[in-house]
């Protein structure tokens, strides 16, 4: 069977599974729709959390970033994994003990203000929309390459699938679908990684192959021969300050991501929340310790195969004789043993526009170079993981499995984000502020309607994304760090912080960070803040949030005693006491 046939088969099987789970998990009550009835076992919630958190950025784009950036790319590993540990140990148990449905729920009740709730809702929607754009782009890339359809068509198919199980099952349907999606994505990542490791080093375990073999030394040698810096040389593309700021922004952003935080509301108890955090960390580590190895293997294979390949033919017309948008290059080359390399994989990727060749010096040979003027290969970093099995010559079914894994990663996170957007409007605005006497049926209906609306908006941004997958996702983390993290952290660990401080802090952090990102990304604004990049500015926005919150708090009245009692109860083991305090607060 061809790669396309295998891909189609795997997509049919996995999508049918997701749709079946969504149908079996359909709910009619609001608790099931928003927090899965708080009945998900710890290990299942750990797998769902891992799938929710390991998005298309982790599966598709992170190894590509490391492959292109070398040492500097590890900032994403440090930031994302460190941030999850920060969330699991510092915030998650307390938020679960608080016992509400959403992050705006926590902000609204802790800061005793509907204005604070509205600011939190706006932040949650803004962050989630930014994040989901990256997921939809990932879906479009996979469909475009492996099924030969336009990226827009792939995004629409993904929208339909996510809408089905999210609308029917809400958080319950999403959770059990994410358990299946984690299984698919981790197998799809580890299996080809092990095969490539064995092929390059003779060691089938990627982590061991990467750290004990000479593959990195060989890669460094190839890099320097082609005029690039060594792969392991630090601070090539990022300054030390940017490395620090991006790491901090990603860590704090992870701890403030609403779609990850809500996962800890779905388990039966605080104890289960702690256990599910541990399981999730284990499940996440399986992929994150493998990604650096995949990045190095991919870089090595690409440099080895593409550099010096001869151009056999340049096609400017399609099979029907019509003009092509860009020329297609047919290449040939033999390896060190004299065996002919297979460049069939390049043809399909060239058609997507994500891999482009250009024989600039007209010598009939393709050259990779650190000099942009001399470089004749343009590779979108989002294709690294997806193309690596093809470059390595693995079996078609393995290549198709990777495609299914990429779709699972993107769809699982997209579903969680869409529910955050839905609950922010349907629960935090409609139920909490507009119609507090709404029936269960009305609340679920509103939630489903908001999921559908969010799907359409997410689809638009998936077709017209503001950057490549991991870059877009990094922006979302920066926004979360600048808005939610200080409000949650101070809300748990400080009784004195009040509504005025939290509102001013969230607004200042969010507006500053969003303004800087939009200006730098879309309007060529100079990086006036110590040359900090758009991906790292969230760290400064977070600092501004903390400073403004504490400054305003000092000059305004303290919170009411009932709110201070809530904070005290959050940090004590008496859960019943907290429930009583919250009941009194709502009255």
Protein backbone atom coordinates (compact mmCIF):
# COMPACT_ATOMS: atom_id res chain seq x y z
CA UNK A 1 0.00 0.00 0.00
CA UNK A 2 1.11 3.57 -0.66
CA UNK A 3 1.72 6.17 2.03
CA UNK A 4 -1.48 7.96 1.02
CA UNK A 5 -3.50 4.74 1.33
CA UNK A 6 -2.04 3.95 4.76
CA UNK A 7 -2.67 7.54 5.87
CA UNK A 8 -6.27 7.38 4.73
CA UNK A 9 -6.73 4.06 6.55
CA UNK A 10 -5.24 5.35 9.83
CA UNK A 11 -7.26 8.55 9.66
CA UNK A 12 -10.48 6.62 9.05
CA UNK A 13 -9.75 4.28 12.01
CA UNK A 14 -8.68 6.99 14.47
CA UNK A 15 -11.37 9.49 13.49
CA UNK A 16 -14.04 6.79 13.75
CA UNK A 17 -12.74 6.00 17.24
CA UNK A 18 -12.91 9.66 18.25
CA UNK A 19 -16.43 10.01 16.89
CA UNK A 20 -17.57 6.82 18.65
CA UNK A 21 -16.14 7.99 21.98
CA UNK A 22 -17.79 11.37 21.52
CA UNK A 23 -21.14 9.71 20.88
CA UNK A 24 -20.85 7.35 23.86
CA UNK A 25 -19.80 10.22 26.15
CA UNK A 26 -22.63 12.61 25.29
CA UNK A 27 -24.00 14.50 28.27
CA UNK A 28 -27.11 16.43 29.25
CA UNK A 29 -26.04 18.10 32.50
CA UNK A 30 -23.78 21.13 32.89
CA UNK A 31 -21.35 19.43 35.30
CA UNK A 32 -20.70 16.73 32.72
CA UNK A 33 -20.35 19.28 29.94
CA UNK A 34 -17.91 21.60 31.74
CA UNK A 35 -15.93 19.37 34.16
CA UNK A 36 -16.85 15.78 33.09
CA UNK A 37 -18.89 15.34 36.27
CA UNK A 38 -15.61 15.43 38.24
CA UNK A 39 -15.44 11.65 37.89
CA UNK A 40 -12.38 11.01 35.70
CA UNK A 41 -9.81 8.56 37.23
CA UNK A 42 -6.37 10.00 37.94
CA UNK A 43 -4.44 7.95 35.37
CA UNK A 44 -6.99 8.66 32.62
CA UNK A 45 -6.95 12.35 33.50
CA UNK A 46 -3.14 12.24 33.39
CA UNK A 47 -3.24 10.89 29.83
CA UNK A 48 -5.91 13.42 28.83
CA UNK A 49 -3.89 16.25 30.40
CA UNK A 50 -0.79 15.15 28.50
CA UNK A 51 -2.74 15.06 25.21
CA UNK A 52 -4.36 18.41 25.98
CA UNK A 53 -1.02 20.00 26.80
CA UNK A 54 1.13 18.33 24.10
CA UNK A 55 -0.35 20.14 21.16
CA UNK A 56 0.65 20.33 17.52
CA UNK A 57 3.47 22.58 18.75
CA UNK A 58 4.92 19.73 20.83
CA UNK A 59 4.35 16.96 18.28
CA UNK A 60 4.86 18.74 14.96
CA UNK A 61 6.82 21.90 15.62
CA UNK A 62 9.01 21.62 18.73
CA UNK A 63 11.50 19.15 17.26
CA UNK A 64 11.55 21.33 14.15
CA UNK A 65 12.47 24.36 16.25
CA UNK A 66 15.26 22.48 17.99
CA UNK A 67 16.44 21.09 14.66
CA UNK A 68 16.72 24.59 13.18
CA UNK A 69 17.93 26.40 16.32
CA UNK A 70 20.16 23.71 17.82
CA UNK A 71 21.09 24.42 21.44
CA UNK A 72 18.92 27.56 21.56
CA UNK A 73 15.83 25.53 20.73
CA UNK A 74 16.02 23.79 24.09
CA UNK A 75 14.45 26.92 25.56
CA UNK A 76 11.11 25.39 24.56
CA UNK A 77 11.91 22.16 26.38
CA UNK A 78 12.91 24.00 29.54
CA UNK A 79 10.00 26.40 29.46
CA UNK A 80 7.19 23.97 28.71
CA UNK A 81 8.30 21.11 30.97
CA UNK A 82 9.33 23.44 33.81
CA UNK A 83 6.01 25.22 33.52
CA UNK A 84 4.05 22.02 33.85
CA UNK A 85 5.94 21.12 37.03
CA UNK A 86 5.22 24.62 38.34
CA UNK A 87 1.51 24.18 37.63
CA UNK A 88 1.31 20.66 39.05
CA UNK A 89 3.10 21.41 42.33
CA UNK A 90 2.26 25.05 43.00
CA UNK A 91 -1.23 25.76 41.67
CA UNK A 92 -3.25 22.73 40.54
CA UNK A 93 -4.17 21.20 43.95
CA UNK A 94 -5.37 24.55 45.28
CA UNK A 95 -7.40 25.29 42.19
CA UNK A 96 -9.01 21.85 42.37
CA UNK A 97 -9.85 22.45 46.01
CA UNK A 98 -11.53 25.71 45.02
CA UNK A 99 -13.92 23.48 43.08
CA UNK A 100 -15.25 25.71 40.30
CA UNK A 101 -15.53 25.11 36.56
CA UNK A 102 -13.15 27.63 34.97
CA UNK A 103 -10.26 30.02 35.59
CA UNK A 104 -12.55 33.07 35.27
CA UNK A 105 -14.70 31.37 37.94
CA UNK A 106 -11.72 31.39 40.29
CA UNK A 107 -10.80 34.99 39.42
CA UNK A 108 -14.37 36.24 39.76
CA UNK A 109 -14.99 34.60 43.15
CA UNK A 110 -11.52 35.16 44.62
CA UNK A 111 -11.52 38.83 43.65
CA UNK A 112 -15.25 39.25 44.43
CA UNK A 113 -15.88 41.15 41.21
CA UNK A 114 -17.72 40.62 37.94
CA UNK A 115 -15.36 43.12 36.35
CA UNK A 116 -12.45 40.82 37.26
CA UNK A 117 -14.46 37.92 35.85
CA UNK A 118 -15.00 39.76 32.54
CA UNK A 119 -11.31 40.65 32.26
CA UNK A 120 -10.45 36.99 32.89
CA UNK A 121 -12.97 35.89 30.26
CA UNK A 122 -11.47 38.25 27.68
CA UNK A 123 -7.98 36.98 28.53
CA UNK A 124 -9.09 33.33 28.31
CA UNK A 125 -10.72 33.85 24.90
CA UNK A 126 -7.76 35.84 23.56
CA UNK A 127 -5.25 33.24 24.75
CA UNK A 128 -7.29 30.28 23.53
CA UNK A 129 -7.94 31.77 20.09
CA UNK A 130 -4.23 32.48 19.66
CA UNK A 131 -3.38 28.94 20.74
CA UNK A 132 -6.03 27.18 18.66
CA UNK A 133 -4.83 28.90 15.48
CA UNK A 134 -1.62 26.88 15.75
CA UNK A 135 -3.53 23.63 16.19
CA UNK A 136 -5.69 24.19 13.16
CA UNK A 137 -2.64 25.05 11.06
CA UNK A 138 -1.10 21.74 12.15
CA UNK A 139 -4.22 19.87 11.02
CA UNK A 140 -4.13 21.63 7.67
CA UNK A 141 -0.44 20.81 7.12
CA UNK A 142 -0.98 17.09 7.74
CA UNK A 143 -3.99 16.86 5.43
CA UNK A 144 -2.28 18.92 2.76
CA UNK A 145 0.80 16.72 2.60
CA UNK A 146 -0.54 13.23 3.16
CA UNK A 147 -3.93 13.40 1.47
CA UNK A 148 -3.09 15.98 -1.17
CA UNK A 149 -5.88 18.40 -0.25
CA UNK A 150 -5.54 22.16 0.26
CA UNK A 151 -4.64 23.30 3.77
CA UNK A 152 -8.02 25.06 4.04
CA UNK A 153 -9.84 21.80 3.30
CA UNK A 154 -7.81 19.98 5.94
CA UNK A 155 -8.68 22.65 8.51
CA UNK A 156 -12.39 22.30 7.71
CA UNK A 157 -12.29 18.50 8.15
CA UNK A 158 -10.57 18.97 11.53
CA UNK A 159 -13.22 21.51 12.54
CA UNK A 160 -16.02 19.06 11.81
CA UNK A 161 -14.42 16.24 13.83
CA UNK A 162 -13.64 18.42 16.86
CA UNK A 163 -17.08 20.03 16.78
CA UNK A 164 -18.79 16.62 16.85
CA UNK A 165 -17.26 15.21 20.04
CA UNK A 166 -16.95 18.60 21.77
CA UNK A 167 -20.56 19.58 21.14
CA UNK A 168 -22.02 16.20 22.11
CA UNK A 169 -19.85 15.27 25.07
CA UNK A 170 -18.39 18.53 26.32
CA UNK A 171 -15.54 17.96 28.74
CA UNK A 172 -16.53 14.34 29.29
CA UNK A 173 -16.38 13.53 25.59
CA UNK A 174 -13.21 15.55 25.14
CA UNK A 175 -11.47 13.83 28.08
CA UNK A 176 -12.05 10.26 26.94
CA UNK A 177 -11.25 11.20 23.34
CA UNK A 178 -7.99 12.73 24.55
CA UNK A 179 -7.06 9.47 26.30
CA UNK A 180 -7.31 7.73 22.91
CA UNK A 181 -5.50 10.58 21.19
CA UNK A 182 -2.60 10.42 23.64
CA UNK A 183 -2.17 6.72 22.87
CA UNK A 184 -2.09 7.45 19.15
CA UNK A 185 0.29 10.41 19.34
CA UNK A 186 2.84 8.84 21.69
CA UNK A 187 3.07 5.62 19.64
CA UNK A 188 3.35 7.71 16.48
CA UNK A 189 6.21 9.73 17.96
CA UNK A 190 8.21 6.99 19.69
CA UNK A 191 8.04 4.23 17.09
CA UNK A 192 9.67 6.09 14.16
CA UNK A 193 12.09 7.79 16.56
CA UNK A 194 13.31 4.36 17.71
CA UNK A 195 13.55 3.09 14.13
CA UNK A 196 15.61 6.10 13.02
CA UNK A 197 17.84 5.87 16.09
CA UNK A 198 18.59 2.24 15.31
CA UNK A 199 19.23 3.01 11.65
CA UNK A 200 21.71 5.82 12.44
CA UNK A 201 23.41 4.51 15.58
CA UNK A 202 22.48 0.85 16.08
CA UNK A 203 20.71 1.78 19.35
CA UNK A 204 16.89 1.51 19.29
CA UNK A 205 16.21 3.81 22.26
CA UNK A 206 16.33 7.44 21.01
CA UNK A 207 17.38 9.02 24.31
CA UNK A 208 20.31 6.63 24.73
CA UNK A 209 21.28 6.86 21.06
CA UNK A 210 21.32 10.65 21.26
CA UNK A 211 23.44 10.85 24.42
CA UNK A 212 25.89 7.96 23.99
CA UNK A 213 26.58 7.73 20.24
CA UNK A 214 28.65 10.05 18.06
CA UNK A 215 25.63 11.34 16.11
CA UNK A 216 25.92 14.86 17.55
CA UNK A 217 29.63 15.01 16.75
CA UNK A 218 28.90 13.94 13.17
CA UNK A 219 26.16 16.57 12.94
CA UNK A 220 28.49 19.28 14.25
CA UNK A 221 31.03 18.29 11.61
CA UNK A 222 28.51 18.53 8.78
CA UNK A 223 27.25 21.87 10.06
CA UNK A 224 30.70 23.45 10.13
CA UNK A 225 31.56 22.01 6.70
CA UNK A 226 28.54 23.83 5.25
CA UNK A 227 29.35 27.12 6.98
CA UNK A 228 26.84 26.81 9.83
CA UNK A 229 27.76 27.15 13.49
CA UNK A 230 28.04 23.92 15.46
CA UNK A 231 24.66 22.43 16.31
CA UNK A 232 25.48 22.47 20.02
CA UNK A 233 26.88 26.03 20.12
CA UNK A 234 24.73 28.16 22.48
CA UNK A 235 23.20 31.58 21.85
CA UNK A 236 23.39 31.55 18.05
CA UNK A 237 19.89 32.80 17.31
CA UNK A 238 18.86 34.02 20.76
CA UNK A 239 20.67 36.25 23.23
CA UNK A 240 21.06 35.16 26.85
CA UNK A 241 18.38 37.66 27.89
CA UNK A 242 15.96 36.28 25.30
CA UNK A 243 16.64 32.71 26.38
CA UNK A 244 15.84 33.69 29.97
CA UNK A 245 12.71 35.68 29.08
CA UNK A 246 11.29 33.04 26.73
CA UNK A 247 11.88 30.33 29.34
CA UNK A 248 10.14 32.36 32.06
CA UNK A 249 7.26 33.28 29.74
CA UNK A 250 6.72 29.66 28.73
CA UNK A 251 6.93 28.40 32.32
CA UNK A 252 4.53 30.96 33.78
CA UNK A 253 2.34 30.71 30.69
CA UNK A 254 2.01 26.95 31.11
CA UNK A 255 0.98 27.47 34.73
CA UNK A 256 -1.63 29.99 33.57
CA UNK A 257 -3.12 28.18 30.58
CA UNK A 258 -6.88 27.87 31.18
CA UNK A 259 -7.37 24.71 29.10
CA UNK A 260 -4.70 22.87 31.14
CA UNK A 261 -5.87 24.18 34.51
CA UNK A 262 -9.45 23.06 33.88
CA UNK A 263 -8.24 19.47 33.56
CA UNK A 264 -7.64 19.39 37.32
CA UNK A 265 -11.31 20.19 37.92
CA UNK A 266 -12.39 16.91 36.28
CA UNK A 267 -11.07 14.50 38.96
CA UNK A 268 -12.98 13.47 42.10
CA UNK A 269 -10.67 15.00 44.73
CA UNK A 270 -7.57 17.06 45.53
CA UNK A 271 -5.67 13.81 46.09
CA UNK A 272 -6.69 12.60 42.62
CA UNK A 273 -5.57 15.94 41.16
CA UNK A 274 -2.09 15.41 42.59
CA UNK A 275 -1.90 11.84 41.26
CA UNK A 276 -3.16 12.87 37.82
CA UNK A 277 -0.47 15.59 37.73
CA UNK A 278 2.17 12.92 38.37
CA UNK A 279 0.80 10.63 35.68
CA UNK A 280 0.66 13.51 33.21
CA UNK A 281 4.28 14.42 33.93
CA UNK A 282 5.33 10.84 33.17
CA UNK A 283 3.31 10.76 29.94
CA UNK A 284 4.69 14.13 28.86
CA UNK A 285 8.28 13.10 29.62
CA UNK A 286 8.04 10.21 27.15
CA UNK A 287 7.72 12.67 24.28
CA UNK A 288 9.79 15.55 25.62
CA UNK A 289 12.89 13.45 26.29
CA UNK A 290 12.60 12.05 22.77
CA UNK A 291 12.18 15.36 20.92
CA UNK A 292 15.86 16.48 21.10
CA UNK A 293 16.94 13.16 19.62
CA UNK A 294 14.37 13.42 16.80
CA UNK A 295 15.54 16.98 16.09
CA UNK A 296 19.19 15.93 15.76
CA UNK A 297 18.37 12.84 13.68
CA UNK A 298 16.20 14.93 11.35
CA UNK A 299 18.85 17.62 10.91
CA UNK A 300 21.53 15.02 10.19
CA UNK A 301 19.43 13.16 7.62
CA UNK A 302 18.35 16.34 5.82
CA UNK A 303 21.88 17.74 5.55
CA UNK A 304 23.27 14.38 4.47
CA UNK A 305 20.69 13.82 1.77
CA UNK A 306 19.95 17.26 0.32
CA UNK A 307 23.42 18.83 0.21
CA UNK A 308 25.00 18.19 -3.16
CA UNK A 309 21.98 16.44 -4.70
CA UNK A 310 21.95 16.71 -8.49
CA UNK A 311 18.98 18.23 -10.28
CA UNK A 312 17.58 15.72 -12.78
CA UNK A 313 14.62 17.73 -13.99
CA UNK A 314 12.78 20.97 -13.27
CA UNK A 315 9.08 20.83 -14.02
CA UNK A 316 7.06 23.99 -14.59
CA UNK A 317 3.81 22.35 -15.72
CA UNK A 318 1.43 19.94 -14.03
CA UNK A 319 0.25 16.63 -15.50
CA UNK A 320 -2.48 18.41 -17.43
CA UNK A 321 -0.06 20.91 -18.97
CA UNK A 322 -1.11 23.81 -16.77
CA UNK A 323 1.45 26.13 -15.15
CA UNK A 324 2.66 25.26 -11.65
CA UNK A 325 2.69 27.90 -8.94
CA UNK A 326 6.38 27.09 -8.37
CA UNK A 327 8.84 24.77 -10.19
CA UNK A 328 9.16 21.17 -8.98
CA UNK A 329 12.66 19.71 -8.77
CA UNK A 330 13.53 16.03 -9.28
CA UNK A 331 16.78 15.14 -7.50
CA UNK A 332 19.25 12.27 -7.39
CA UNK A 333 22.22 11.36 -5.20
CA UNK A 334 24.08 8.30 -3.91
CA UNK A 335 25.16 7.80 -0.31
CA UNK A 336 28.67 6.95 0.92
CA UNK A 337 28.11 3.26 0.14
CA UNK A 338 27.05 4.04 -3.42
CA UNK A 339 23.36 3.31 -2.88
CA UNK A 340 20.91 5.64 -4.63
CA UNK A 341 18.88 7.81 -2.26
CA UNK A 342 15.11 8.03 -2.62
CA UNK A 343 13.96 11.63 -3.15
CA UNK A 344 10.33 10.73 -3.72
CA UNK A 345 9.43 12.37 -0.45
CA UNK A 346 10.50 15.80 -1.72
CA UNK A 347 7.96 15.85 -4.54
CA UNK A 348 4.90 15.85 -2.30
CA UNK A 349 6.36 18.35 0.16
CA UNK A 350 7.28 20.69 -2.70
CA UNK A 351 3.65 20.68 -3.80
CA UNK A 352 2.60 22.01 -0.39
CA UNK A 353 5.01 24.95 -0.68
CA UNK A 354 6.60 24.01 2.65
CA UNK A 355 9.77 22.71 0.92
CA UNK A 356 11.20 24.89 -1.85
CA UNK A 357 14.31 24.37 -4.02
CA UNK A 358 15.93 27.07 -6.14
CA UNK A 359 19.07 26.53 -8.20
CA UNK A 360 20.33 30.08 -7.74
CA UNK A 361 23.77 29.61 -9.33
CA UNK A 362 22.44 27.38 -12.14
CA UNK A 363 25.06 24.66 -11.56
CA UNK A 364 22.53 21.81 -11.50
CA UNK A 365 23.32 20.95 -7.86
CA UNK A 366 21.42 21.82 -4.66
CA UNK A 367 23.42 23.58 -1.94
CA UNK A 368 22.61 24.25 1.72
CA UNK A 369 24.31 27.30 3.16
CA UNK A 370 24.27 29.53 6.22
CA UNK A 371 24.32 32.47 3.79
CA UNK A 372 20.73 33.25 2.86
CA UNK A 373 21.81 34.57 -0.54
CA UNK A 374 23.58 31.31 -1.42
CA UNK A 375 21.19 28.87 0.27
CA UNK A 376 19.07 26.94 -2.25
CA UNK A 377 16.74 25.06 0.12
CA UNK A 378 13.87 26.58 2.09
CA UNK A 379 12.34 24.23 4.67
CA UNK A 380 9.35 25.11 6.82
CA UNK A 381 10.26 23.94 10.31
CA UNK A 382 6.75 22.57 10.79
CA UNK A 383 7.50 19.69 8.38
CA UNK A 384 10.56 18.33 10.22
CA UNK A 385 8.81 15.67 12.32
CA UNK A 386 6.32 14.77 9.61
CA UNK A 387 8.95 14.40 6.89
CA UNK A 388 11.70 12.68 8.93
CA UNK A 389 10.36 9.09 8.51
CA UNK A 390 10.23 9.64 4.74
CA UNK A 391 13.74 11.10 4.63
CA UNK A 392 14.97 8.10 6.64
CA UNK A 393 13.29 5.68 4.22
CA UNK A 394 10.94 4.08 6.75
CA UNK A 395 7.97 1.97 5.69
CA UNK A 396 4.87 3.79 4.34
CA UNK A 397 2.72 2.66 7.29
CA UNK A 398 5.16 4.28 9.74
CA UNK A 399 4.99 7.53 7.79
CA UNK A 400 1.19 7.36 7.86
CA UNK A 401 1.21 6.65 11.60
CA UNK A 402 3.16 9.88 12.18
CA UNK A 403 0.50 11.78 10.23
CA UNK A 404 -2.22 10.26 12.43
CA UNK A 405 -0.22 11.21 15.52
CA UNK A 406 0.12 14.81 14.37
CA UNK A 407 -3.63 15.01 13.85
CA UNK A 408 -4.27 13.50 17.30
CA UNK A 409 -1.99 16.06 18.96
CA UNK A 410 -3.60 18.99 17.18
CA UNK A 411 -7.21 17.87 17.62
CA UNK A 412 -6.85 16.98 21.31
CA UNK A 413 -5.58 20.43 22.25
CA UNK A 414 -7.98 22.21 19.91
CA UNK A 415 -10.91 20.50 21.64
CA UNK A 416 -9.76 21.63 25.09
CA UNK A 417 -9.26 25.19 23.88
CA UNK A 418 -12.66 25.34 22.24
CA UNK A 419 -14.31 24.23 25.47
CA UNK A 420 -12.48 27.01 27.35
CA UNK A 421 -13.85 29.56 24.90
CA UNK A 422 -17.32 28.03 25.18
CA UNK A 423 -17.34 27.90 28.98
CA UNK A 424 -15.96 31.44 29.26
CA UNK A 425 -19.03 32.76 27.47
CA UNK A 426 -21.72 30.21 28.38
CA UNK A 427 -20.77 29.66 32.02
CA UNK A 428 -18.88 32.74 33.18
CA UNK A 429 -20.89 35.35 31.29
CA UNK A 430 -24.29 33.81 30.54
CA UNK A 431 -24.85 31.76 33.71
CA UNK A 432 -22.84 33.74 36.24
CA UNK A 433 -23.86 37.22 35.12
CA UNK A 434 -26.80 37.25 32.69
CA UNK A 435 -29.10 34.36 33.65
CA UNK A 436 -28.09 32.78 37.00
CA UNK A 437 -31.40 30.91 37.10
CA UNK A 438 -30.82 29.14 33.78
CA UNK A 439 -31.87 25.48 33.71
CA UNK A 440 -29.43 22.65 33.07
CA UNK A 441 -30.78 22.28 29.54
CA UNK A 442 -30.31 26.00 28.84
CA UNK A 443 -26.75 25.98 30.16
CA UNK A 444 -25.73 22.95 28.09
CA UNK A 445 -27.44 24.35 24.98
CA UNK A 446 -25.60 27.65 25.36
CA UNK A 447 -22.31 25.79 25.87
CA UNK A 448 -22.83 23.78 22.69
CA UNK A 449 -23.74 26.86 20.69
CA UNK A 450 -20.58 28.61 21.85
CA UNK A 451 -18.45 25.59 20.87
CA UNK A 452 -19.83 25.81 17.34
CA UNK A 453 -19.15 29.55 17.16
CA UNK A 454 -15.62 29.05 18.46
CA UNK A 455 -15.00 26.28 15.89
CA UNK A 456 -15.78 28.63 13.02
CA UNK A 457 -13.53 31.39 14.37
CA UNK A 458 -10.74 28.88 15.04
CA UNK A 459 -11.06 27.57 11.50
CA UNK A 460 -10.53 31.05 10.10
CA UNK A 461 -7.35 31.53 12.09
CA UNK A 462 -6.20 28.04 11.11
CA UNK A 463 -6.47 28.99 7.45
CA UNK A 464 -4.93 32.44 8.04
CA UNK A 465 -2.45 31.86 10.91
CA UNK A 466 -0.20 34.65 12.25
CA UNK A 467 2.92 32.45 12.19
CA UNK A 468 4.22 28.88 12.25
CA UNK A 469 2.74 26.49 14.79
CA UNK A 470 5.19 26.75 17.71
CA UNK A 471 5.59 30.51 17.25
CA UNK A 472 1.83 31.06 17.47
CA UNK A 473 1.62 28.81 20.52
CA UNK A 474 4.51 30.68 22.18
CA UNK A 475 2.52 33.90 21.84
CA UNK A 476 -0.38 32.26 23.69
CA UNK A 477 1.92 31.23 26.53
CA UNK A 478 3.23 34.79 26.79
CA UNK A 479 -0.29 36.16 27.03
CA UNK A 480 -1.19 33.60 29.72
CA UNK A 481 1.93 34.47 31.71
CA UNK A 482 1.17 38.19 31.57
CA UNK A 483 -2.50 37.90 32.52
CA UNK A 484 -3.45 34.79 34.50
CA UNK A 485 -0.36 33.59 36.34
CA UNK A 486 0.03 36.58 38.73
CA UNK A 487 -3.72 36.67 39.44
CA UNK A 488 -3.83 32.95 40.25
CA UNK A 489 -0.58 32.87 42.21
CA UNK A 490 -1.40 35.92 44.34
CA UNK A 491 -5.01 34.80 44.67
CA UNK A 492 -3.86 31.59 46.33
CA UNK A 493 -0.92 32.80 48.41
CA UNK A 494 -1.87 36.36 49.43
CA UNK A 495 -4.94 37.34 51.44
CA UNK A 496 -4.21 41.06 50.99
CA UNK A 497 -4.41 41.26 47.19
CA UNK A 498 -7.76 42.77 46.25
CA UNK A 499 -9.99 43.17 43.21
CA UNK A 500 -8.67 46.60 42.24
CA UNK A 501 -5.10 45.31 42.17
CA UNK A 502 -5.96 42.13 40.24
CA UNK A 503 -8.04 43.96 37.62
CA UNK A 504 -5.42 46.63 36.99
CA UNK A 505 -2.65 44.03 36.95
CA UNK A 506 -4.36 41.71 34.45
CA UNK A 507 -5.30 44.56 32.14
CA UNK A 508 -1.84 46.13 32.18
CA UNK A 509 -0.05 42.81 31.64
CA UNK A 510 -2.38 41.66 28.86
CA UNK A 511 -2.49 44.99 27.00
CA UNK A 512 1.29 45.49 27.20
CA UNK A 513 2.10 41.97 26.03
CA UNK A 514 -0.54 41.81 23.29
CA UNK A 515 0.46 45.26 22.02
CA UNK A 516 4.14 44.32 21.88
CA UNK A 517 3.46 41.01 20.12
CA UNK A 518 1.09 42.53 17.55
CA UNK A 519 3.43 45.47 16.89
CA UNK A 520 6.51 43.29 16.48
CA UNK A 521 4.79 40.54 14.47
CA UNK A 522 2.56 42.52 12.13
CA UNK A 523 3.81 46.11 12.01
CA UNK A 524 7.61 45.72 12.05
CA UNK A 525 7.85 47.54 15.37
CA UNK A 526 11.43 47.72 16.69
CA UNK A 527 12.06 45.47 19.73
CA UNK A 528 12.40 48.50 21.98
CA UNK A 529 12.25 46.58 25.28
CA UNK A 530 15.90 45.48 25.65
CA UNK A 531 15.60 43.71 22.25
CA UNK A 532 13.37 41.05 23.84
CA UNK A 533 11.53 39.01 21.20
CA UNK A 534 7.75 38.69 20.90
CA UNK A 535 8.00 35.12 22.27
CA UNK A 536 9.71 36.31 25.45
CA UNK A 537 7.90 39.57 26.18
CA UNK A 538 5.34 37.73 28.29
CA UNK A 539 7.95 37.59 31.06
CA UNK A 540 8.06 41.39 31.18
CA UNK A 541 4.27 41.56 30.96
CA UNK A 542 4.06 39.18 33.92
CA UNK A 543 6.48 41.34 35.92
CA UNK A 544 4.41 44.42 35.08
CA UNK A 545 1.27 42.59 36.22
CA UNK A 546 2.84 41.71 39.57
CA UNK A 547 4.12 45.27 40.14
CA UNK A 548 0.82 46.96 39.20
CA UNK A 549 -1.24 44.48 41.23
CA UNK A 550 0.81 44.92 44.39
CA UNK A 551 1.09 48.71 43.98
CA UNK A 552 -2.65 49.21 43.51
CA UNK A 553 -3.42 46.77 46.33
CA UNK A 554 -1.35 48.80 48.82
CA UNK A 555 -3.37 51.94 48.08
CA UNK A 556 -6.85 50.36 48.08
CA UNK A 557 -8.95 48.62 50.75
CA UNK A 558 -8.25 44.97 51.63
CA UNK A 559 -10.63 42.20 50.53
CA UNK A 560 -13.69 41.40 52.68
CA UNK A 561 -13.17 38.92 55.50
CA UNK A 562 -15.19 36.23 53.69
CA UNK A 563 -12.71 36.36 50.80
CA UNK A 564 -9.76 36.18 53.18
CA UNK A 565 -11.41 33.13 54.74
CA UNK A 566 -11.55 31.53 51.29
CA UNK A 567 -7.80 32.01 50.87
CA UNK A 568 -7.14 30.55 54.33
CA UNK A 569 -9.35 27.55 53.56
CA UNK A 570 -7.61 26.92 50.24
CA UNK A 571 -4.37 26.13 52.05
CA UNK A 572 -5.84 23.91 54.77
CA UNK A 573 -6.91 20.25 54.46
CA UNK A 574 -10.49 20.99 55.55
CA UNK A 575 -12.27 20.78 52.22
CA UNK A 576 -15.67 20.90 53.88
CA UNK A 577 -14.68 24.21 55.47
CA UNK A 578 -13.88 25.66 52.07
CA UNK A 579 -17.19 24.49 50.64
CA UNK A 580 -19.03 26.24 53.48
CA UNK A 581 -17.06 29.46 52.95
CA UNK A 582 -17.78 29.41 49.21
CA UNK A 583 -21.48 28.78 49.80
CA UNK A 584 -21.60 31.76 52.16
CA UNK A 585 -19.69 33.89 49.64
CA UNK A 586 -22.16 33.09 46.86
CA UNK A 587 -25.06 33.94 49.11
